[in-house]
Amino acid sequence: MSDTKQQPGGAVDPRLLEILVCPVTKGPLRYDREKGELVSDRAGLAYPIRDGIPIMLPDEARKLAG
């Protein structure tokens, strides 16, 4: 049995994270490794990562509280 904890959204290529921007604001994204999401603080949205693939659709994003 393995002791390594799988990331919720799967591993994401760091090079991909460097070039992705929020599709709504065109601003920067913050990678939340714990939740497996890419967060746009400006838009107040968190885009899910599924099987290592960021789902960059505003309709799929979770609205941030606040």
C-alpha atoms as a PDB file:
ATOM      1  CA  MET A   1       0.000   0.000   0.000  1.00  0.00           C
ATOM      2  CA  SER A   2       1.308   3.459  -0.903  1.00  0.00           C
ATOM      3  CA  ASP A   3       1.620   6.287   1.615  1.00  0.00           C
ATOM      4  CA  THR A   4       1.657   9.024  -1.027  1.00  0.00           C
ATOM      5  CA  LYS A   5      -1.428  11.190  -1.063  1.00  0.00           C
ATOM      6  CA  GLN A   6      -2.968  11.807  -4.479  1.00  0.00           C
ATOM      7  CA  GLN A   7      -3.728  15.435  -5.313  1.00  0.00           C
ATOM      8  CA  PRO A   8      -7.504  16.008  -5.652  1.00  0.00           C
ATOM      9  CA  GLY A   9      -7.389  17.139  -9.277  1.00  0.00           C
ATOM     10  CA  GLY A  10      -4.363  15.125 -10.302  1.00  0.00           C
ATOM     11  CA  ALA A  11      -0.909  16.410 -11.128  1.00  0.00           C
ATOM     12  CA  VAL A  12      -0.741  19.473 -13.378  1.00  0.00           C
ATOM     13  CA  ASP A  13       2.211  20.277 -15.619  1.00  0.00           C
ATOM     14  CA  PRO A  14       3.950  23.328 -14.052  1.00  0.00           C
ATOM     15  CA  ARG A  15       4.670  24.741 -17.531  1.00  0.00           C
ATOM     16  CA  LEU A  16       0.922  24.767 -18.209  1.00  0.00           C
ATOM     17  CA  LEU A  17       0.269  26.668 -14.980  1.00  0.00           C
ATOM     18  CA  GLU A  18       2.706  29.377 -16.112  1.00  0.00           C
ATOM     19  CA  ILE A  19       0.766  30.180 -19.302  1.00  0.00           C
ATOM     20  CA  LEU A  20      -2.860  29.789 -18.214  1.00  0.00           C
ATOM     21  CA  VAL A  21      -4.926  32.889 -17.409  1.00  0.00           C
ATOM     22  CA  CYS A  22      -8.494  33.371 -16.266  1.00  0.00           C
ATOM     23  CA  PRO A  23     -10.813  33.259 -19.296  1.00  0.00           C
ATOM     24  CA  VAL A  24     -13.040  35.944 -17.722  1.00  0.00           C
ATOM     25  CA  THR A  25     -10.490  38.554 -16.591  1.00  0.00           C
ATOM     26  CA  LYS A  26      -7.391  37.422 -18.535  1.00  0.00           C
ATOM     27  CA  GLY A  27      -5.643  37.829 -15.178  1.00  0.00           C
ATOM     28  CA  PRO A  28      -3.355  35.484 -13.254  1.00  0.00           C
ATOM     29  CA  LEU A  29      -4.449  32.239 -11.637  1.00  0.00           C
ATOM     30  CA  ARG A  30      -3.353  30.805  -8.306  1.00  0.00           C
ATOM     31  CA  TYR A  31      -2.935  27.031  -8.007  1.00  0.00           C
ATOM     32  CA  ASP A  32      -4.665  25.634  -4.907  1.00  0.00           C
ATOM     33  CA  ARG A  33      -2.964  22.255  -4.649  1.00  0.00           C
ATOM     34  CA  GLU A  34      -5.045  21.191  -1.622  1.00  0.00           C
ATOM     35  CA  LYS A  35      -8.395  21.667  -3.392  1.00  0.00           C
ATOM     36  CA  GLY A  36      -7.167  20.815  -6.894  1.00  0.00           C
ATOM     37  CA  GLU A  37      -8.305  24.120  -8.390  1.00  0.00           C
ATOM     38  CA  LEU A  38      -7.002  27.129 -10.256  1.00  0.00           C
ATOM     39  CA  VAL A  39      -8.260  30.262  -8.521  1.00  0.00           C
ATOM     40  CA  SER A  40      -8.942  33.634 -10.118  1.00  0.00           C
ATOM     41  CA  ASP A  41      -9.101  36.092  -7.240  1.00  0.00           C
ATOM     42  CA  ARG A  42     -10.169  38.913  -9.583  1.00  0.00           C
ATOM     43  CA  ALA A  43     -13.134  36.971 -10.990  1.00  0.00           C
ATOM     44  CA  GLY A  44     -13.963  35.250  -7.693  1.00  0.00           C
ATOM     45  CA  LEU A  45     -13.934  31.867  -9.421  1.00  0.00           C
ATOM     46  CA  ALA A  46     -12.153  28.554  -8.876  1.00  0.00           C
ATOM     47  CA  TYR A  47     -11.681  26.358 -11.932  1.00  0.00           C
ATOM     48  CA  PRO A  48     -11.572  22.614 -11.253  1.00  0.00           C
ATOM     49  CA  ILE A  49      -8.761  20.318 -12.305  1.00  0.00           C
ATOM     50  CA  ARG A  50      -9.886  16.861 -13.413  1.00  0.00           C
ATOM     51  CA  ASP A  51      -7.383  14.101 -14.120  1.00  0.00           C
ATOM     52  CA  GLY A  52      -4.637  16.726 -14.347  1.00  0.00           C
ATOM     53  CA  ILE A  53      -6.561  18.843 -16.866  1.00  0.00           C
ATOM     54  CA  PRO A  54      -7.703  22.346 -15.881  1.00  0.00           C
ATOM     55  CA  ILE A  55     -11.347  22.908 -16.871  1.00  0.00           C
ATOM     56  CA  MET A  56     -11.232  26.567 -17.898  1.00  0.00           C
ATOM     57  CA  LEU A  57     -14.956  27.068 -18.503  1.00  0.00           C
ATOM     58  CA  PRO A  58     -16.708  29.757 -16.438  1.00  0.00           C
ATOM     59  CA  ASP A  59     -19.831  27.555 -16.284  1.00  0.00           C
ATOM     60  CA  GLU A  60     -17.776  24.809 -14.597  1.00  0.00           C
ATOM     61  CA  ALA A  61     -16.092  27.150 -12.110  1.00  0.00           C
ATOM     62  CA  ARG A  62     -17.018  27.364  -8.448  1.00  0.00           C
ATOM     63  CA  LYS A  63     -17.904  30.824  -7.138  1.00  0.00           C
ATOM     64  CA  LEU A  64     -15.717  31.892  -4.232  1.00  0.00           C
ATOM     65  CA  ALA A  65     -17.373  32.979  -1.010  1.00  0.00           C
ATOM     66  CA  GLY A  66     -16.894  36.550  -0.017  1.00  0.00           C
END
